[in-house]
Amino acid sequence: RAAVQAFARARFGAQAVTMAARVDGDLPQGWSM
């Protein structure tokens, strides 16, 4: 989640990103990519 937020801030601006995703350990393989 921290890596996705950092990537989003790099693409869209640090002050423009709102992270509202919850953690779920049972997600399909390759979900992050």
PDB file of all heavy atoms in Angstrom:
ATOM      1  N   ARG A   1       0.831  -1.205   0.000  1.00  0.00           N
ATOM      2  CA  ARG A   1       0.000   0.000   0.000  1.00  0.00           C
ATOM      3  C   ARG A   1       0.867   1.258   0.000  1.00  0.00           C
ATOM      4  O   ARG A   1       0.579   2.234  -0.707  1.00  0.00           O
ATOM      5  CB  ARG A   1      -0.937  -0.008   1.205  1.00  0.00           C
ATOM      6  CG  ARG A   1      -1.881   1.192   1.241  1.00  0.00           C
ATOM      7  CD  ARG A   1      -2.966   1.006   2.276  1.00  0.00           C
ATOM      8  NE  ARG A   1      -2.422   0.906   3.625  1.00  0.00           N
ATOM      9  CZ  ARG A   1      -3.158   0.663   4.725  1.00  0.00           C
ATOM     10  NH1 ARG A   1      -4.473   0.485   4.609  1.00  0.00           N
ATOM     11  NH2 ARG A   1      -2.593   0.571   5.912  1.00  0.00           N
ATOM     12  N   ALA A   2       1.938   1.259   0.795  1.00  0.00           N
ATOM     13  CA  ALA A   2       2.840   2.411   0.816  1.00  0.00           C
ATOM     14  C   ALA A   2       3.531   2.588  -0.537  1.00  0.00           C
ATOM     15  O   ALA A   2       3.731   3.722  -1.017  1.00  0.00           O
ATOM     16  CB  ALA A   2       3.873   2.241   1.928  1.00  0.00           C
ATOM     17  N   ALA A   3       3.895   1.453  -1.195  1.00  0.00           N
ATOM     18  CA  ALA A   3       4.550   1.553  -2.495  1.00  0.00           C
ATOM     19  C   ALA A   3       3.592   2.096  -3.556  1.00  0.00           C
ATOM     20  O   ALA A   3       3.977   2.931  -4.392  1.00  0.00           O
ATOM     21  CB  ALA A   3       5.076   0.177  -2.908  1.00  0.00           C
ATOM     22  N   VAL A   4       2.319   1.638  -3.518  1.00  0.00           N
ATOM     23  CA  VAL A   4       1.334   2.139  -4.481  1.00  0.00           C
ATOM     24  C   VAL A   4       1.082   3.628  -4.252  1.00  0.00           C
ATOM     25  O   VAL A   4       0.974   4.412  -5.211  1.00  0.00           O
ATOM     26  CB  VAL A   4       0.025   1.331  -4.360  1.00  0.00           C
ATOM     27  CG1 VAL A   4      -1.083   1.996  -5.176  1.00  0.00           C
ATOM     28  CG2 VAL A   4       0.243  -0.098  -4.822  1.00  0.00           C
ATOM     29  N   GLN A   5       1.018   4.039  -2.994  1.00  0.00           N
ATOM     30  CA  GLN A   5       0.793   5.458  -2.699  1.00  0.00           C
ATOM     31  C   GLN A   5       1.970   6.312  -3.174  1.00  0.00           C
ATOM     32  O   GLN A   5       1.776   7.399  -3.747  1.00  0.00           O
ATOM     33  CB  GLN A   5       0.574   5.648  -1.198  1.00  0.00           C
ATOM     34  CG  GLN A   5       0.216   7.075  -0.808  1.00  0.00           C
ATOM     35  CD  GLN A   5      -0.105   7.201   0.671  1.00  0.00           C
ATOM     36  OE1 GLN A   5       0.251   6.340   1.468  1.00  0.00           O
ATOM     37  NE2 GLN A   5      -0.777   8.276   1.043  1.00  0.00           N
ATOM     38  N   ALA A   6       3.179   5.819  -2.967  1.00  0.00           N
ATOM     39  CA  ALA A   6       4.359   6.564  -3.428  1.00  0.00           C
ATOM     40  C   ALA A   6       4.382   6.672  -4.950  1.00  0.00           C
ATOM     41  O   ALA A   6       4.714   7.730  -5.512  1.00  0.00           O
ATOM     42  CB  ALA A   6       5.627   5.886  -2.910  1.00  0.00           C
ATOM     43  N   PHE A   7       4.025   5.577  -5.622  1.00  0.00           N
ATOM     44  CA  PHE A   7       3.986   5.604  -7.089  1.00  0.00           C
ATOM     45  C   PHE A   7       2.933   6.598  -7.582  1.00  0.00           C
ATOM     46  O   PHE A   7       3.169   7.361  -8.536  1.00  0.00           O
ATOM     47  CB  PHE A   7       3.690   4.204  -7.622  1.00  0.00           C
ATOM     48  CG  PHE A   7       3.634   4.116  -9.119  1.00  0.00           C
ATOM     49  CD1 PHE A   7       4.790   4.074  -9.877  1.00  0.00           C
ATOM     50  CD2 PHE A   7       2.415   4.073  -9.783  1.00  0.00           C
ATOM     51  CE1 PHE A   7       4.734   3.994 -11.262  1.00  0.00           C
ATOM     52  CE2 PHE A   7       2.349   4.001 -11.162  1.00  0.00           C
ATOM     53  CZ  PHE A   7       3.520   3.953 -11.909  1.00  0.00           C
ATOM     54  N   ALA A   8       1.756   6.588  -6.929  1.00  0.00           N
ATOM     55  CA  ALA A   8       0.686   7.508  -7.322  1.00  0.00           C
ATOM     56  C   ALA A   8       1.090   8.949  -7.093  1.00  0.00           C
ATOM     57  O   ALA A   8       0.807   9.835  -7.917  1.00  0.00           O
ATOM     58  CB  ALA A   8      -0.586   7.178  -6.557  1.00  0.00           C
ATOM     59  N   ARG A   9       1.732   9.237  -5.985  1.00  0.00           N
ATOM     60  CA  ARG A   9       2.175  10.606  -5.727  1.00  0.00           C
ATOM     61  C   ARG A   9       3.226  11.059  -6.737  1.00  0.00           C
ATOM     62  O   ARG A   9       3.263  12.240  -7.118  1.00  0.00           O
ATOM     63  CB  ARG A   9       2.720  10.699  -4.305  1.00  0.00           C
ATOM     64  CG  ARG A   9       1.646  10.654  -3.223  1.00  0.00           C
ATOM     65  CD  ARG A   9       2.238  10.706  -1.833  1.00  0.00           C
ATOM     66  NE  ARG A   9       1.186  10.848  -0.828  1.00  0.00           N
ATOM     67  CZ  ARG A   9       1.403  10.855   0.487  1.00  0.00           C
ATOM     68  NH1 ARG A   9       2.658  10.708   0.956  1.00  0.00           N
ATOM     69  NH2 ARG A   9       0.399  10.993   1.325  1.00  0.00           N
ATOM     70  N   ALA A  10       4.078  10.130  -7.161  1.00  0.00           N
ATOM     71  CA  ALA A  10       5.084  10.491  -8.161  1.00  0.00           C
ATOM     72  C   ALA A  10       4.439  10.818  -9.504  1.00  0.00           C
ATOM     73  O   ALA A  10       4.923  11.685 -10.240  1.00  0.00           O
ATOM     74  CB  ALA A  10       6.086   9.349  -8.315  1.00  0.00           C
ATOM     75  N   ARG A  11       3.335  10.139  -9.846  1.00  0.00           N
ATOM     76  CA  ARG A  11       2.685  10.371 -11.131  1.00  0.00           C
ATOM     77  C   ARG A  11       1.692  11.522 -11.103  1.00  0.00           C
ATOM     78  O   ARG A  11       1.535  12.238 -12.096  1.00  0.00           O
ATOM     79  CB  ARG A  11       1.961   9.106 -11.609  1.00  0.00           C
ATOM     80  CG  ARG A  11       2.844   7.927 -11.929  1.00  0.00           C
ATOM     81  CD  ARG A  11       3.883   8.255 -13.002  1.00  0.00           C
ATOM     82  NE  ARG A  11       3.287   8.738 -14.231  1.00  0.00           N
ATOM     83  CZ  ARG A  11       2.972   7.977 -15.265  1.00  0.00           C
ATOM     84  NH1 ARG A  11       3.179   6.676 -15.191  1.00  0.00           N
ATOM     85  NH2 ARG A  11       2.463   8.494 -16.360  1.00  0.00           N
ATOM     86  N   PHE A  12       1.000  11.736  -9.976  1.00  0.00           N
ATOM     87  CA  PHE A  12      -0.104  12.695  -9.939  1.00  0.00           C
ATOM     88  C   PHE A  12       0.130  13.874  -8.990  1.00  0.00           C
ATOM     89  O   PHE A  12      -0.676  14.804  -8.992  1.00  0.00           O
ATOM     90  CB  PHE A  12      -1.403  11.981  -9.531  1.00  0.00           C
ATOM     91  CG  PHE A  12      -1.820  10.894 -10.466  1.00  0.00           C
ATOM     92  CD1 PHE A  12      -1.438   9.575 -10.255  1.00  0.00           C
ATOM     93  CD2 PHE A  12      -2.582  11.188 -11.585  1.00  0.00           C
ATOM     94  CE1 PHE A  12      -1.821   8.570 -11.130  1.00  0.00           C
ATOM     95  CE2 PHE A  12      -2.975  10.181 -12.468  1.00  0.00           C
ATOM     96  CZ  PHE A  12      -2.584   8.877 -12.236  1.00  0.00           C
ATOM     97  N   GLY A  13       1.204  13.849  -8.202  1.00  0.00           N
ATOM     98  CA  GLY A  13       1.466  14.940  -7.270  1.00  0.00           C
ATOM     99  C   GLY A  13       1.243  14.506  -5.834  1.00  0.00           C
ATOM    100  O   GLY A  13       0.272  13.798  -5.517  1.00  0.00           O
ATOM    101  N   ALA A  14       2.142  14.926  -4.949  1.00  0.00           N
ATOM    102  CA  ALA A  14       2.099  14.462  -3.558  1.00  0.00           C
ATOM    103  C   ALA A  14       0.827  14.887  -2.845  1.00  0.00           C
ATOM    104  O   ALA A  14       0.284  14.142  -2.017  1.00  0.00           O
ATOM    105  CB  ALA A  14       3.328  14.967  -2.803  1.00  0.00           C
ATOM    106  N   GLN A  15       0.315  16.078  -3.126  1.00  0.00           N
ATOM    107  CA  GLN A  15      -0.849  16.590  -2.427  1.00  0.00           C
ATOM    108  C   GLN A  15      -2.159  16.205  -3.100  1.00  0.00           C
ATOM    109  O   GLN A  15      -3.229  16.556  -2.603  1.00  0.00           O
ATOM    110  CB  GLN A  15      -0.760  18.116  -2.340  1.00  0.00           C
ATOM    111  CG  GLN A  15       0.503  18.637  -1.695  1.00  0.00           C
ATOM    112  CD  GLN A  15       0.694  18.104  -0.278  1.00  0.00           C
ATOM    113  OE1 GLN A  15      -0.265  18.014   0.486  1.00  0.00           O
ATOM    114  NE2 GLN A  15       1.935  17.760   0.064  1.00  0.00           N
ATOM    115  N   ALA A  16      -2.093  15.501  -4.227  1.00  0.00           N
ATOM    116  CA  ALA A  16      -3.305  15.202  -4.991  1.00  0.00           C
ATOM    117  C   ALA A  16      -3.832  13.796  -4.754  1.00  0.00           C
ATOM    118  O   ALA A  16      -4.877  13.432  -5.294  1.00  0.00           O
ATOM    119  CB  ALA A  16      -3.040  15.390  -6.483  1.00  0.00           C
ATOM    120  N   VAL A  17      -3.144  12.971  -3.942  1.00  0.00           N
ATOM    121  CA  VAL A  17      -3.492  11.562  -3.789  1.00  0.00           C
ATOM    122  C   VAL A  17      -4.134  11.315  -2.433  1.00  0.00           C
ATOM    123  O   VAL A  17      -3.619  11.746  -1.392  1.00  0.00           O
ATOM    124  CB  VAL A  17      -2.239  10.674  -3.955  1.00  0.00           C
ATOM    125  CG1 VAL A  17      -2.587   9.206  -3.734  1.00  0.00           C
ATOM    126  CG2 VAL A  17      -1.633  10.875  -5.341  1.00  0.00           C
ATOM    127  N   THR A  18      -5.264  10.620  -2.480  1.00  0.00           N
ATOM    128  CA  THR A  18      -5.943  10.179  -1.258  1.00  0.00           C
ATOM    129  C   THR A  18      -5.996   8.656  -1.272  1.00  0.00           C
ATOM    130  O   THR A  18      -6.586   8.052  -2.177  1.00  0.00           O
ATOM    131  CB  THR A  18      -7.370  10.748  -1.177  1.00  0.00           C
ATOM    132  OG1 THR A  18      -7.298  12.177  -1.165  1.00  0.00           O
ATOM    133  CG2 THR A  18      -8.076  10.257   0.073  1.00  0.00           C
ATOM    134  N   MET A  19      -5.370   8.019  -0.266  1.00  0.00           N
ATOM    135  CA  MET A  19      -5.343   6.560  -0.182  1.00  0.00           C
ATOM    136  C   MET A  19      -6.465   6.086   0.724  1.00  0.00           C
ATOM    137  O   MET A  19      -6.543   6.472   1.905  1.00  0.00           O
ATOM    138  CB  MET A  19      -3.984   6.085   0.346  1.00  0.00           C
ATOM    139  CG  MET A  19      -3.907   4.600   0.604  1.00  0.00           C
ATOM    140  SD  MET A  19      -4.219   3.589  -0.883  1.00  0.00           S
ATOM    141  CE  MET A  19      -2.681   3.832  -1.759  1.00  0.00           C
ATOM    142  N   ALA A  20      -7.359   5.258   0.204  1.00  0.00           N
ATOM    143  CA  ALA A  20      -8.495   4.729   0.981  1.00  0.00           C
ATOM    144  C   ALA A  20      -8.644   3.237   0.731  1.00  0.00           C
ATOM    145  O   ALA A  20      -9.769   2.718   0.619  1.00  0.00           O
ATOM    146  CB  ALA A  20      -9.774   5.474   0.607  1.00  0.00           C
ATOM    147  N   ALA A  21      -7.523   2.527   0.601  1.00  0.00           N
ATOM    148  CA  ALA A  21      -7.543   1.086   0.351  1.00  0.00           C
ATOM    149  C   ALA A  21      -7.240   0.333   1.643  1.00  0.00           C
ATOM    150  O   ALA A  21      -6.339   0.706   2.400  1.00  0.00           O
ATOM    151  CB  ALA A  21      -6.534   0.729  -0.730  1.00  0.00           C
ATOM    152  N   ARG A  22      -7.975  -0.757   1.865  1.00  0.00           N
ATOM    153  CA  ARG A  22      -7.737  -1.573   3.059  1.00  0.00           C
ATOM    154  C   ARG A  22      -6.826  -2.739   2.703  1.00  0.00           C
ATOM    155  O   ARG A  22      -6.674  -3.108   1.525  1.00  0.00           O
ATOM    156  CB  ARG A  22      -9.046  -2.075   3.635  1.00  0.00           C
ATOM    157  CG  ARG A  22      -9.790  -3.113   2.820  1.00  0.00           C
ATOM    158  CD  ARG A  22     -11.096  -3.490   3.504  1.00  0.00           C
ATOM    159  NE  ARG A  22     -11.864  -4.487   2.753  1.00  0.00           N
ATOM    160  CZ  ARG A  22     -11.732  -5.803   2.892  1.00  0.00           C
ATOM    161  NH1 ARG A  22     -10.807  -6.278   3.724  1.00  0.00           N
ATOM    162  NH2 ARG A  22     -12.492  -6.648   2.203  1.00  0.00           N
ATOM    163  N   VAL A  23      -6.233  -3.346   3.750  1.00  0.00           N
ATOM    164  CA  VAL A  23      -5.318  -4.469   3.576  1.00  0.00           C
ATOM    165  C   VAL A  23      -6.121  -5.763   3.571  1.00  0.00           C
ATOM    166  O   VAL A  23      -6.982  -5.999   4.423  1.00  0.00           O
ATOM    167  CB  VAL A  23      -4.261  -4.486   4.690  1.00  0.00           C
ATOM    168  CG1 VAL A  23      -3.396  -5.737   4.591  1.00  0.00           C
ATOM    169  CG2 VAL A  23      -3.399  -3.230   4.610  1.00  0.00           C
ATOM    170  N   ASP A  24      -5.822  -6.618   2.573  1.00  0.00           N
ATOM    171  CA  ASP A  24      -6.457  -7.929   2.448  1.00  0.00           C
ATOM    172  C   ASP A  24      -5.383  -8.903   1.985  1.00  0.00           C
ATOM    173  O   ASP A  24      -4.873  -8.804   0.868  1.00  0.00           O
ATOM    174  CB  ASP A  24      -7.608  -7.867   1.446  1.00  0.00           C
ATOM    175  CG  ASP A  24      -8.350  -9.188   1.327  1.00  0.00           C
ATOM    176  OD1 ASP A  24      -7.937 -10.166   1.984  1.00  0.00           O
ATOM    177  OD2 ASP A  24      -9.335  -9.256   0.559  1.00  0.00           O
ATOM    178  N   GLY A  25      -5.026  -9.831   2.858  1.00  0.00           N
ATOM    179  CA  GLY A  25      -3.956 -10.760   2.534  1.00  0.00           C
ATOM    180  C   GLY A  25      -4.361 -11.861   1.589  1.00  0.00           C
ATOM    181  O   GLY A  25      -3.503 -12.632   1.126  1.00  0.00           O
ATOM    182  N   ASP A  26      -5.639 -12.003   1.282  1.00  0.00           N
ATOM    183  CA  ASP A  26      -6.114 -13.091   0.432  1.00  0.00           C
ATOM    184  C   ASP A  26      -6.530 -12.548  -0.934  1.00  0.00           C
ATOM    185  O   ASP A  26      -7.698 -12.588  -1.318  1.00  0.00           O
ATOM    186  CB  ASP A  26      -7.295 -13.790   1.109  1.00  0.00           C
ATOM    187  CG  ASP A  26      -7.687 -15.071   0.386  1.00  0.00           C
ATOM    188  OD1 ASP A  26      -6.837 -15.586  -0.367  1.00  0.00           O
ATOM    189  OD2 ASP A  26      -8.833 -15.520   0.558  1.00  0.00           O
ATOM    190  N   LEU A  27      -5.548 -12.014  -1.674  1.00  0.00           N
ATOM    191  CA  LEU A  27      -5.805 -11.439  -3.000  1.00  0.00           C
ATOM    192  C   LEU A  27      -5.148 -12.302  -4.068  1.00  0.00           C
ATOM    193  O   LEU A  27      -4.177 -13.027  -3.788  1.00  0.00           O
ATOM    194  CB  LEU A  27      -5.264 -10.000  -3.077  1.00  0.00           C
ATOM    195  CG  LEU A  27      -5.989  -8.970  -2.213  1.00  0.00           C
ATOM    196  CD1 LEU A  27      -5.265  -7.618  -2.266  1.00  0.00           C
ATOM    197  CD2 LEU A  27      -7.438  -8.797  -2.662  1.00  0.00           C
ATOM    198  N   PRO A  28      -5.634 -12.251  -5.301  1.00  0.00           N
ATOM    199  CA  PRO A  28      -5.064 -13.089  -6.362  1.00  0.00           C
ATOM    200  C   PRO A  28      -3.592 -12.761  -6.612  1.00  0.00           C
ATOM    201  O   PRO A  28      -3.114 -11.649  -6.341  1.00  0.00           O
ATOM    202  CB  PRO A  28      -5.920 -12.741  -7.586  1.00  0.00           C
ATOM    203  CG  PRO A  28      -7.172 -12.165  -7.035  1.00  0.00           C
ATOM    204  CD  PRO A  28      -6.799 -11.477  -5.761  1.00  0.00           C
ATOM    205  N   GLN A  29      -2.883 -13.724  -7.168  1.00  0.00           N
ATOM    206  CA  GLN A  29      -1.471 -13.528  -7.484  1.00  0.00           C
ATOM    207  C   GLN A  29      -1.325 -12.455  -8.574  1.00  0.00           C
ATOM    208  O   GLN A  29      -2.098 -12.406  -9.528  1.00  0.00           O
ATOM    209  CB  GLN A  29      -0.858 -14.843  -7.946  1.00  0.00           C
ATOM    210  CG  GLN A  29       0.652 -14.771  -8.171  1.00  0.00           C
ATOM    211  CD  GLN A  29       1.229 -16.117  -8.564  1.00  0.00           C
ATOM    212  OE1 GLN A  29       0.478 -17.084  -8.746  1.00  0.00           O
ATOM    213  NE2 GLN A  29       2.548 -16.185  -8.689  1.00  0.00           N
ATOM    214  N   GLY A  30      -0.320 -11.594  -8.419  1.00  0.00           N
ATOM    215  CA  GLY A  30      -0.076 -10.527  -9.387  1.00  0.00           C
ATOM    216  C   GLY A  30      -0.986  -9.323  -9.216  1.00  0.00           C
ATOM    217  O   GLY A  30      -1.036  -8.450 -10.102  1.00  0.00           O
ATOM    218  N   TRP A  31      -1.715  -9.245  -8.106  1.00  0.00           N
ATOM    219  CA  TRP A  31      -2.648  -8.128  -7.888  1.00  0.00           C
ATOM    220  C   TRP A  31      -1.916  -6.782  -7.863  1.00  0.00           C
ATOM    221  O   TRP A  31      -2.392  -5.795  -8.430  1.00  0.00           O
ATOM    222  CB  TRP A  31      -3.410  -8.358  -6.581  1.00  0.00           C
ATOM    223  CG  TRP A  31      -4.459  -7.327  -6.284  1.00  0.00           C
ATOM    224  CD1 TRP A  31      -4.352  -6.251  -5.461  1.00  0.00           C
ATOM    225  CD2 TRP A  31      -5.782  -7.279  -6.822  1.00  0.00           C
ATOM    226  NE1 TRP A  31      -5.510  -5.530  -5.431  1.00  0.00           N
ATOM    227  CE2 TRP A  31      -6.415  -6.140  -6.264  1.00  0.00           C
ATOM    228  CE3 TRP A  31      -6.499  -8.072  -7.715  1.00  0.00           C
ATOM    229  CZ2 TRP A  31      -7.716  -5.781  -6.573  1.00  0.00           C
ATOM    230  CZ3 TRP A  31      -7.802  -7.719  -8.017  1.00  0.00           C
ATOM    231  CH2 TRP A  31      -8.396  -6.592  -7.457  1.00  0.00           C
ATOM    232  N   SER A  32      -0.787  -6.736  -7.185  1.00  0.00           N
ATOM    233  CA  SER A  32      -0.046  -5.470  -7.060  1.00  0.00           C
ATOM    234  C   SER A  32       0.388  -4.957  -8.435  1.00  0.00           C
ATOM    235  O   SER A  32       0.290  -3.754  -8.724  1.00  0.00           O
ATOM    236  CB  SER A  32       1.182  -5.667  -6.163  1.00  0.00           C
ATOM    237  OG  SER A  32       0.809  -6.145  -4.897  1.00  0.00           O
ATOM    238  N   MET A  33       0.857  -5.865  -9.299  1.00  0.00           N
ATOM    239  CA  MET A  33       1.279  -5.441 -10.629  1.00  0.00           C
ATOM    240  C   MET A  33       0.088  -4.935 -11.441  1.00  0.00           C
ATOM    241  O   MET A  33       0.201  -3.970 -12.200  1.00  0.00           O
ATOM    242  CB  MET A  33       1.956  -6.604 -11.356  1.00  0.00           C
ATOM    243  CG  MET A  33       2.420  -6.258 -12.771  1.00  0.00           C
ATOM    244  SD  MET A  33       3.551  -4.831 -12.810  1.00  0.00           S
ATOM    245  CE  MET A  33       4.980  -5.539 -11.989  1.00  0.00           C
TER     246      MET A  33
END
